[in-house]
């Protein structure tokens, strides 16, 4: 009797594993395929999400920028509105002023002439210092007033400038050479003017010192003790000596009736 060969347990086990593997692979493969599809879909979805987030961030950044611009424009517009209101108010003022421009233009020339006449009278009654210079200035102003090519505004400016110069005389100490009549003779002297309080003279040889007497409208000699103060005053006016106190005779103040 012939005995059948029984497969070894190893071969049977290997065959079982092989068959099981084929069966398992056939079951797992769809699952893996499904997972791959899901992974691909998830990746695609993530790309879309990232793209949407990037666009959202960009839009948010642009929105913030536009918002800042709008705020800036609001401030700018508010400032412009204020400027426009001020300009409108200024235009109304100018328009109101222009209504009287013609009247003012007619009034300026006679006003300028009256002021010039008053200035001329003031110089005439004032201390007789720098007479040539002041007379020449008055004549220059008069020529401007008589010149039809000079504008009314310029004529008025010339008159006001004359008043300014005269006002400056009252605030300064001054000295200059001049020729005056002393005892009926022409004498070359140094004039000392202290504002409009004192107008004194001293001969170039320092032999005689005097002062202008407003009551008599003439030059009068001073005692010898005033020789040095007048000489020092002349040096101060020439900036050759430090300004200091001077002992000079000052006429009594006039009482205005």
C-alpha atoms as a PDB file:
ATOM      1  CA  UNK A   1       0.000   0.000   0.000  1.00  0.00           C
ATOM      2  CA  UNK A   2       1.369   3.381  -1.088  1.00  0.00           C
ATOM      3  CA  UNK A   3       1.349   6.131   1.576  1.00  0.00           C
ATOM      4  CA  UNK A   4       0.267   9.721   0.612  1.00  0.00           C
ATOM      5  CA  UNK A   5       2.718  12.556   1.333  1.00  0.00           C
ATOM      6  CA  UNK A   6       1.307  15.013   3.844  1.00  0.00           C
ATOM      7  CA  UNK A   7       2.410  18.586   3.271  1.00  0.00           C
ATOM      8  CA  UNK A   8       4.550  19.880   5.990  1.00  0.00           C
ATOM      9  CA  UNK A   9       3.044  22.230   8.504  1.00  0.00           C
ATOM     10  CA  UNK A  10       5.357  24.989   7.302  1.00  0.00           C
ATOM     11  CA  UNK A  11       4.185  24.796   3.767  1.00  0.00           C
ATOM     12  CA  UNK A  12       0.590  24.808   4.864  1.00  0.00           C
ATOM     13  CA  UNK A  13       1.201  27.829   7.048  1.00  0.00           C
ATOM     14  CA  UNK A  14       2.997  29.682   4.262  1.00  0.00           C
ATOM     15  CA  UNK A  15       0.185  28.884   1.859  1.00  0.00           C
ATOM     16  CA  UNK A  16      -2.332  30.168   4.400  1.00  0.00           C
ATOM     17  CA  UNK A  17      -0.412  33.393   4.885  1.00  0.00           C
ATOM     18  CA  UNK A  18      -0.126  33.874   1.125  1.00  0.00           C
ATOM     19  CA  UNK A  19      -3.850  33.375   0.639  1.00  0.00           C
ATOM     20  CA  UNK A  20      -4.647  35.585   3.602  1.00  0.00           C
ATOM     21  CA  UNK A  21      -2.300  38.280   2.269  1.00  0.00           C
ATOM     22  CA  UNK A  22      -4.027  38.268  -1.090  1.00  0.00           C
ATOM     23  CA  UNK A  23      -7.402  38.510   0.614  1.00  0.00           C
ATOM     24  CA  UNK A  24      -6.204  41.292   2.981  1.00  0.00           C
ATOM     25  CA  UNK A  25      -4.633  43.283   0.172  1.00  0.00           C
ATOM     26  CA  UNK A  26      -7.830  43.119  -1.776  1.00  0.00           C
ATOM     27  CA  UNK A  27      -9.664  44.549   1.260  1.00  0.00           C
ATOM     28  CA  UNK A  28      -7.061  47.172   2.274  1.00  0.00           C
ATOM     29  CA  UNK A  29      -6.400  48.557  -1.164  1.00  0.00           C
ATOM     30  CA  UNK A  30      -9.762  50.361  -1.451  1.00  0.00           C
ATOM     31  CA  UNK A  31      -9.309  51.781   2.035  1.00  0.00           C
ATOM     32  CA  UNK A  32      -5.852  53.105   1.180  1.00  0.00           C
ATOM     33  CA  UNK A  33      -7.150  54.459  -2.084  1.00  0.00           C
ATOM     34  CA  UNK A  34      -9.972  56.221  -0.239  1.00  0.00           C
ATOM     35  CA  UNK A  35      -7.529  57.638   2.309  1.00  0.00           C
ATOM     36  CA  UNK A  36      -5.335  58.935  -0.526  1.00  0.00           C
ATOM     37  CA  UNK A  37      -8.304  60.601  -2.131  1.00  0.00           C
ATOM     38  CA  UNK A  38      -9.236  62.146   1.194  1.00  0.00           C
ATOM     39  CA  UNK A  39      -5.669  63.334   1.752  1.00  0.00           C
ATOM     40  CA  UNK A  40      -5.547  64.861  -1.714  1.00  0.00           C
ATOM     41  CA  UNK A  41      -8.880  66.565  -1.107  1.00  0.00           C
ATOM     42  CA  UNK A  42      -7.692  67.820   2.277  1.00  0.00           C
ATOM     43  CA  UNK A  43      -4.502  69.196   0.713  1.00  0.00           C
ATOM     44  CA  UNK A  44      -6.530  70.916  -2.010  1.00  0.00           C
ATOM     45  CA  UNK A  45      -8.871  72.306   0.619  1.00  0.00           C
ATOM     46  CA  UNK A  46      -5.908  73.576   2.657  1.00  0.00           C
ATOM     47  CA  UNK A  47      -4.497  75.321  -0.427  1.00  0.00           C
ATOM     48  CA  UNK A  48      -7.864  76.990  -0.930  1.00  0.00           C
ATOM     49  CA  UNK A  49      -7.992  77.956   2.752  1.00  0.00           C
ATOM     50  CA  UNK A  50      -4.448  79.370   2.627  1.00  0.00           C
ATOM     51  CA  UNK A  51      -5.296  81.297  -0.545  1.00  0.00           C
ATOM     52  CA  UNK A  52      -8.472  82.624   1.012  1.00  0.00           C
ATOM     53  CA  UNK A  53      -6.590  83.615   4.192  1.00  0.00           C
ATOM     54  CA  UNK A  54      -3.910  85.396   2.145  1.00  0.00           C
ATOM     55  CA  UNK A  55      -6.584  87.282   0.231  1.00  0.00           C
ATOM     56  CA  UNK A  56      -8.382  88.120   3.489  1.00  0.00           C
ATOM     57  CA  UNK A  57      -5.161  89.432   5.045  1.00  0.00           C
ATOM     58  CA  UNK A  58      -4.464  91.503   1.925  1.00  0.00           C
ATOM     59  CA  UNK A  59      -7.995  92.898   1.914  1.00  0.00           C
ATOM     60  CA  UNK A  60      -7.752  93.691   5.632  1.00  0.00           C
ATOM     61  CA  UNK A  61      -4.436  95.495   5.088  1.00  0.00           C
ATOM     62  CA  UNK A  62      -5.890  97.474   2.191  1.00  0.00           C
ATOM     63  CA  UNK A  63      -8.934  98.308   4.290  1.00  0.00           C
ATOM     64  CA  UNK A  64      -6.754  99.650   7.094  1.00  0.00           C
ATOM     65  CA  UNK A  65      -4.768 101.722   4.598  1.00  0.00           C
ATOM     66  CA  UNK A  66      -7.914 103.129   3.017  1.00  0.00           C
ATOM     67  CA  UNK A  67      -9.355 103.847   6.481  1.00  0.00           C
ATOM     68  CA  UNK A  68      -6.246 105.854   7.410  1.00  0.00           C
ATOM     69  CA  UNK A  69      -6.465 107.769   4.142  1.00  0.00           C
ATOM     70  CA  UNK A  70     -10.125 108.525   4.803  1.00  0.00           C
ATOM     71  CA  UNK A  71      -9.306 109.810   8.309  1.00  0.00           C
ATOM     72  CA  UNK A  72      -6.517 111.934   6.889  1.00  0.00           C
ATOM     73  CA  UNK A  73      -8.840 113.320   4.226  1.00  0.00           C
ATOM     74  CA  UNK A  74     -11.440 114.133   6.875  1.00  0.00           C
ATOM     75  CA  UNK A  75      -8.860 116.172   8.830  1.00  0.00           C
ATOM     76  CA  UNK A  76      -7.620 117.812   5.613  1.00  0.00           C
ATOM     77  CA  UNK A  77     -11.178 118.688   4.552  1.00  0.00           C
ATOM     78  CA  UNK A  78     -11.922 120.153   7.989  1.00  0.00           C
ATOM     79  CA  UNK A  79      -8.837 122.376   7.741  1.00  0.00           C
ATOM     80  CA  UNK A  80      -9.771 123.437   4.233  1.00  0.00           C
ATOM     81  CA  UNK A  81     -13.291 124.295   5.351  1.00  0.00           C
ATOM     82  CA  UNK A  82     -11.854 126.572   8.047  1.00  0.00           C
ATOM     83  CA  UNK A  83      -9.518 128.208   5.517  1.00  0.00           C
ATOM     84  CA  UNK A  84     -12.371 128.685   3.082  1.00  0.00           C
ATOM     85  CA  UNK A  85     -14.528 130.290   5.785  1.00  0.00           C
ATOM     86  CA  UNK A  86     -11.688 132.647   6.694  1.00  0.00           C
ATOM     87  CA  UNK A  87     -11.098 133.484   3.035  1.00  0.00           C
ATOM     88  CA  UNK A  88     -14.778 134.168   2.506  1.00  0.00           C
ATOM     89  CA  UNK A  89     -14.795 136.449   5.550  1.00  0.00           C
ATOM     90  CA  UNK A  90     -11.658 138.191   4.259  1.00  0.00           C
ATOM     91  CA  UNK A  91     -13.222 138.634   0.833  1.00  0.00           C
ATOM     92  CA  UNK A  92     -16.254 140.208   2.449  1.00  0.00           C
ATOM     93  CA  UNK A  93     -13.967 142.590   4.382  1.00  0.00           C
ATOM     94  CA  UNK A  94     -12.094 143.501   1.211  1.00  0.00           C
ATOM     95  CA  UNK A  95     -15.349 144.039  -0.643  1.00  0.00           C
ATOM     96  CA  UNK A  96     -16.553 146.291   2.164  1.00  0.00           C
ATOM     97  CA  UNK A  97     -13.269 148.193   2.152  1.00  0.00           C
ATOM     98  CA  UNK A  98     -13.341 148.640  -1.599  1.00  0.00           C
ATOM     99  CA  UNK A  99     -16.630 150.503  -1.258  1.00  0.00           C
ATOM    100  CA  UNK A 100     -14.726 153.226   0.573  1.00  0.00           C
ATOM    101  CA  UNK A 101     -11.531 153.037  -1.496  1.00  0.00           C
ATOM    102  CA  UNK A 102     -12.611 155.784  -3.863  1.00  0.00           C
ATOM    103  CA  UNK A 103     -13.558 158.041  -0.952  1.00  0.00           C
ATOM    104  CA  UNK A 104     -10.260 157.345   0.829  1.00  0.00           C
ATOM    105  CA  UNK A 105      -8.285 157.981  -2.328  1.00  0.00           C
ATOM    106  CA  UNK A 106      -9.862 161.407  -2.646  1.00  0.00           C
ATOM    107  CA  UNK A 107      -9.136 162.201   0.998  1.00  0.00           C
ATOM    108  CA  UNK A 108      -5.476 161.151   1.090  1.00  0.00           C
ATOM    109  CA  UNK A 109      -4.010 164.012  -1.024  1.00  0.00           C
ATOM    110  CA  UNK A 110      -5.523 166.864   1.034  1.00  0.00           C
ATOM    111  CA  UNK A 111      -4.646 165.011   4.239  1.00  0.00           C
ATOM    112  CA  UNK A 112      -1.041 164.650   3.080  1.00  0.00           C
ATOM    113  CA  UNK A 113      -0.836 168.366   2.324  1.00  0.00           C
ATOM    114  CA  UNK A 114      -2.247 169.314   5.721  1.00  0.00           C
ATOM    115  CA  UNK A 115       0.261 167.026   7.393  1.00  0.00           C
ATOM    116  CA  UNK A 116       3.101 168.556   5.375  1.00  0.00           C
ATOM    117  CA  UNK A 117       2.024 172.044   6.365  1.00  0.00           C
ATOM    118  CA  UNK A 118       1.916 171.002  10.014  1.00  0.00           C
ATOM    119  CA  UNK A 119       5.367 169.428   9.739  1.00  0.00           C
ATOM    120  CA  UNK A 120       6.770 172.576   8.104  1.00  0.00           C
ATOM    121  CA  UNK A 121       5.319 174.739  10.872  1.00  0.00           C
ATOM    122  CA  UNK A 122       6.769 172.403  13.497  1.00  0.00           C
ATOM    123  CA  UNK A 123      10.264 172.628  11.974  1.00  0.00           C
ATOM    124  CA  UNK A 124       9.950 176.394  11.783  1.00  0.00           C
ATOM    125  CA  UNK A 125       9.135 176.676  15.488  1.00  0.00           C
ATOM    126  CA  UNK A 126      11.612 173.997  16.585  1.00  0.00           C
ATOM    127  CA  UNK A 127      15.234 174.442  17.636  1.00  0.00           C
ATOM    128  CA  UNK A 128      17.286 175.595  14.639  1.00  0.00           C
ATOM    129  CA  UNK A 129      19.451 172.493  14.165  1.00  0.00           C
ATOM    130  CA  UNK A 130      20.412 170.968  10.799  1.00  0.00           C
ATOM    131  CA  UNK A 131      18.280 173.586   9.085  1.00  0.00           C
ATOM    132  CA  UNK A 132      19.611 172.887   5.588  1.00  0.00           C
ATOM    133  CA  UNK A 133      18.982 169.128   5.851  1.00  0.00           C
ATOM    134  CA  UNK A 134      15.490 169.534   7.276  1.00  0.00           C
ATOM    135  CA  UNK A 135      14.492 172.236   4.778  1.00  0.00           C
ATOM    136  CA  UNK A 136      15.692 170.040   1.921  1.00  0.00           C
ATOM    137  CA  UNK A 137      13.623 167.125   3.214  1.00  0.00           C
ATOM    138  CA  UNK A 138      10.504 169.295   3.451  1.00  0.00           C
ATOM    139  CA  UNK A 139      11.043 170.482  -0.114  1.00  0.00           C
ATOM    140  CA  UNK A 140      11.471 166.906  -1.327  1.00  0.00           C
ATOM    141  CA  UNK A 141       8.134 165.978   0.255  1.00  0.00           C
ATOM    142  CA  UNK A 142       6.445 169.021  -1.286  1.00  0.00           C
ATOM    143  CA  UNK A 143       7.780 168.112  -4.719  1.00  0.00           C
ATOM    144  CA  UNK A 144       6.336 164.629  -4.312  1.00  0.00           C
ATOM    145  CA  UNK A 145       2.960 166.076  -3.328  1.00  0.00           C
ATOM    146  CA  UNK A 146       2.981 168.292  -6.421  1.00  0.00           C
ATOM    147  CA  UNK A 147       4.015 165.453  -8.740  1.00  0.00           C
ATOM    148  CA  UNK A 148       0.938 163.956 -10.498  1.00  0.00           C
ATOM    149  CA  UNK A 149       2.822 160.757 -11.323  1.00  0.00           C
ATOM    150  CA  UNK A 150       3.347 159.912  -7.633  1.00  0.00           C
ATOM    151  CA  UNK A 151       0.552 157.806  -6.174  1.00  0.00           C
ATOM    152  CA  UNK A 152      -1.467 159.120  -3.202  1.00  0.00           C
ATOM    153  CA  UNK A 153      -0.151 156.266  -1.071  1.00  0.00           C
ATOM    154  CA  UNK A 154       3.467 157.188  -1.833  1.00  0.00           C
ATOM    155  CA  UNK A 155       2.791 160.844  -1.087  1.00  0.00           C
ATOM    156  CA  UNK A 156       1.394 159.921   2.303  1.00  0.00           C
ATOM    157  CA  UNK A 157       4.350 157.608   2.941  1.00  0.00           C
ATOM    158  CA  UNK A 158       6.791 160.447   2.239  1.00  0.00           C
ATOM    159  CA  UNK A 159       5.007 162.709   4.732  1.00  0.00           C
ATOM    160  CA  UNK A 160       4.961 159.983   7.402  1.00  0.00           C
ATOM    161  CA  UNK A 161       8.652 159.341   6.829  1.00  0.00           C
ATOM    162  CA  UNK A 162       9.296 163.042   7.456  1.00  0.00           C
ATOM    163  CA  UNK A 163       7.444 162.784  10.781  1.00  0.00           C
ATOM    164  CA  UNK A 164       9.463 159.680  11.712  1.00  0.00           C
ATOM    165  CA  UNK A 165      12.774 161.469  11.060  1.00  0.00           C
ATOM    166  CA  UNK A 166      11.702 164.433  13.185  1.00  0.00           C
ATOM    167  CA  UNK A 167      10.630 162.100  15.969  1.00  0.00           C
ATOM    168  CA  UNK A 168      14.064 160.426  15.924  1.00  0.00           C
ATOM    169  CA  UNK A 169      15.743 163.785  16.485  1.00  0.00           C
ATOM    170  CA  UNK A 170      14.088 163.999  19.894  1.00  0.00           C
ATOM    171  CA  UNK A 171      15.588 160.693  21.044  1.00  0.00           C
ATOM    172  CA  UNK A 172      19.248 161.116  20.130  1.00  0.00           C
ATOM    173  CA  UNK A 173      22.360 163.096  20.932  1.00  0.00           C
ATOM    174  CA  UNK A 174      23.979 164.663  17.888  1.00  0.00           C
ATOM    175  CA  UNK A 175      26.870 166.894  16.879  1.00  0.00           C
ATOM    176  CA  UNK A 176      27.911 168.558  13.638  1.00  0.00           C
ATOM    177  CA  UNK A 177      29.845 171.571  12.363  1.00  0.00           C
ATOM    178  CA  UNK A 178      27.993 174.732  11.414  1.00  0.00           C
ATOM    179  CA  UNK A 179      28.463 178.447  10.957  1.00  0.00           C
ATOM    180  CA  UNK A 180      26.346 180.682  13.180  1.00  0.00           C
ATOM    181  CA  UNK A 181      26.148 184.381  13.948  1.00  0.00           C
ATOM    182  CA  UNK A 182      27.640 185.353  17.303  1.00  0.00           C
ATOM    183  CA  UNK A 183      27.702 189.052  18.209  1.00  0.00           C
ATOM    184  CA  UNK A 184      27.033 189.931  14.588  1.00  0.00           C
ATOM    185  CA  UNK A 185      29.884 187.792  13.237  1.00  0.00           C
ATOM    186  CA  UNK A 186      29.928 184.436  11.457  1.00  0.00           C
ATOM    187  CA  UNK A 187      31.691 181.873  13.618  1.00  0.00           C
ATOM    188  CA  UNK A 188      32.547 178.262  12.803  1.00  0.00           C
ATOM    189  CA  UNK A 189      31.360 176.105  15.699  1.00  0.00           C
ATOM    190  CA  UNK A 190      30.585 172.576  16.793  1.00  0.00           C
ATOM    191  CA  UNK A 191      26.891 172.157  17.564  1.00  0.00           C
ATOM    192  CA  UNK A 192      25.758 169.826  20.359  1.00  0.00           C
ATOM    193  CA  UNK A 193      22.138 168.721  20.387  1.00  0.00           C
ATOM    194  CA  UNK A 194      20.703 166.633  23.225  1.00  0.00           C
ATOM    195  CA  UNK A 195      17.307 165.533  21.964  1.00  0.00           C
ATOM    196  CA  UNK A 196      15.191 168.655  21.844  1.00  0.00           C
ATOM    197  CA  UNK A 197      16.180 169.772  25.339  1.00  0.00           C
ATOM    198  CA  UNK A 198      19.522 171.448  24.688  1.00  0.00           C
ATOM    199  CA  UNK A 199      21.084 173.016  21.616  1.00  0.00           C
ATOM    200  CA  UNK A 200      24.545 174.307  22.447  1.00  0.00           C
ATOM    201  CA  UNK A 201      27.588 175.459  20.511  1.00  0.00           C
ATOM    202  CA  UNK A 202      31.319 175.639  21.088  1.00  0.00           C
ATOM    203  CA  UNK A 203      33.800 177.450  18.904  1.00  0.00           C
ATOM    204  CA  UNK A 204      36.449 175.314  17.288  1.00  0.00           C
ATOM    205  CA  UNK A 205      39.145 177.043  19.331  1.00  0.00           C
ATOM    206  CA  UNK A 206      37.166 176.231  22.511  1.00  0.00           C
ATOM    207  CA  UNK A 207      37.224 179.922  23.330  1.00  0.00           C
ATOM    208  CA  UNK A 208      33.489 180.347  23.651  1.00  0.00           C
ATOM    209  CA  UNK A 209      30.544 178.147  24.614  1.00  0.00           C
ATOM    210  CA  UNK A 210      26.885 179.046  24.309  1.00  0.00           C
ATOM    211  CA  UNK A 211      23.304 177.836  24.013  1.00  0.00           C
ATOM    212  CA  UNK A 212      20.199 178.583  21.982  1.00  0.00           C
ATOM    213  CA  UNK A 213      17.655 180.666  23.887  1.00  0.00           C
ATOM    214  CA  UNK A 214      14.147 179.740  22.731  1.00  0.00           C
ATOM    215  CA  UNK A 215      12.627 182.830  24.323  1.00  0.00           C
ATOM    216  CA  UNK A 216      14.861 185.301  22.502  1.00  0.00           C
ATOM    217  CA  UNK A 217      15.432 183.031  19.457  1.00  0.00           C
ATOM    218  CA  UNK A 218      19.145 183.750  19.577  1.00  0.00           C
ATOM    219  CA  UNK A 219      22.458 182.287  20.683  1.00  0.00           C
ATOM    220  CA  UNK A 220      23.710 183.278  24.109  1.00  0.00           C
ATOM    221  CA  UNK A 221      27.079 182.700  25.745  1.00  0.00           C
ATOM    222  CA  UNK A 222      27.381 180.378  28.736  1.00  0.00           C
ATOM    223  CA  UNK A 223      29.630 180.757  31.770  1.00  0.00           C
ATOM    224  CA  UNK A 224      33.040 179.104  31.619  1.00  0.00           C
ATOM    225  CA  UNK A 225      31.948 176.173  33.813  1.00  0.00           C
ATOM    226  CA  UNK A 226      29.903 174.780  30.881  1.00  0.00           C
ATOM    227  CA  UNK A 227      32.883 174.613  28.548  1.00  0.00           C
ATOM    228  CA  UNK A 228      33.925 171.120  29.643  1.00  0.00           C
ATOM    229  CA  UNK A 229      30.409 169.565  29.764  1.00  0.00           C
ATOM    230  CA  UNK A 230      29.687 170.791  26.218  1.00  0.00           C
ATOM    231  CA  UNK A 231      33.066 169.538  25.008  1.00  0.00           C
ATOM    232  CA  UNK A 232      32.415 166.158  26.660  1.00  0.00           C
ATOM    233  CA  UNK A 233      28.937 166.031  25.111  1.00  0.00           C
ATOM    234  CA  UNK A 234      30.418 166.612  21.662  1.00  0.00           C
ATOM    235  CA  UNK A 235      32.887 163.767  22.243  1.00  0.00           C
ATOM    236  CA  UNK A 236      30.032 161.484  23.363  1.00  0.00           C
ATOM    237  CA  UNK A 237      28.009 162.338  20.259  1.00  0.00           C
ATOM    238  CA  UNK A 238      31.047 161.449  18.134  1.00  0.00           C
ATOM    239  CA  UNK A 239      31.319 158.158  20.089  1.00  0.00           C
ATOM    240  CA  UNK A 240      34.787 159.146  21.232  1.00  0.00           C
ATOM    241  CA  UNK A 241      33.782 159.003  24.865  1.00  0.00           C
ATOM    242  CA  UNK A 242      31.485 156.841  26.965  1.00  0.00           C
ATOM    243  CA  UNK A 243      28.054 158.364  27.449  1.00  0.00           C
ATOM    244  CA  UNK A 244      27.790 159.896  30.912  1.00  0.00           C
ATOM    245  CA  UNK A 245      25.907 162.550  32.851  1.00  0.00           C
ATOM    246  CA  UNK A 246      26.291 166.106  31.569  1.00  0.00           C
ATOM    247  CA  UNK A 247      25.728 169.280  33.518  1.00  0.00           C
ATOM    248  CA  UNK A 248      23.957 171.492  31.010  1.00  0.00           C
ATOM    249  CA  UNK A 249      21.407 174.291  31.394  1.00  0.00           C
ATOM    250  CA  UNK A 250      17.947 173.085  30.386  1.00  0.00           C
ATOM    251  CA  UNK A 251      15.291 175.672  29.547  1.00  0.00           C
ATOM    252  CA  UNK A 252      12.187 175.594  31.726  1.00  0.00           C
ATOM    253  CA  UNK A 253       9.265 173.634  30.343  1.00  0.00           C
ATOM    254  CA  UNK A 254       6.717 175.688  28.446  1.00  0.00           C
ATOM    255  CA  UNK A 255       3.176 175.845  29.736  1.00  0.00           C
ATOM    256  CA  UNK A 256       0.655 175.075  27.003  1.00  0.00           C
ATOM    257  CA  UNK A 257      -2.361 177.355  27.191  1.00  0.00           C
END
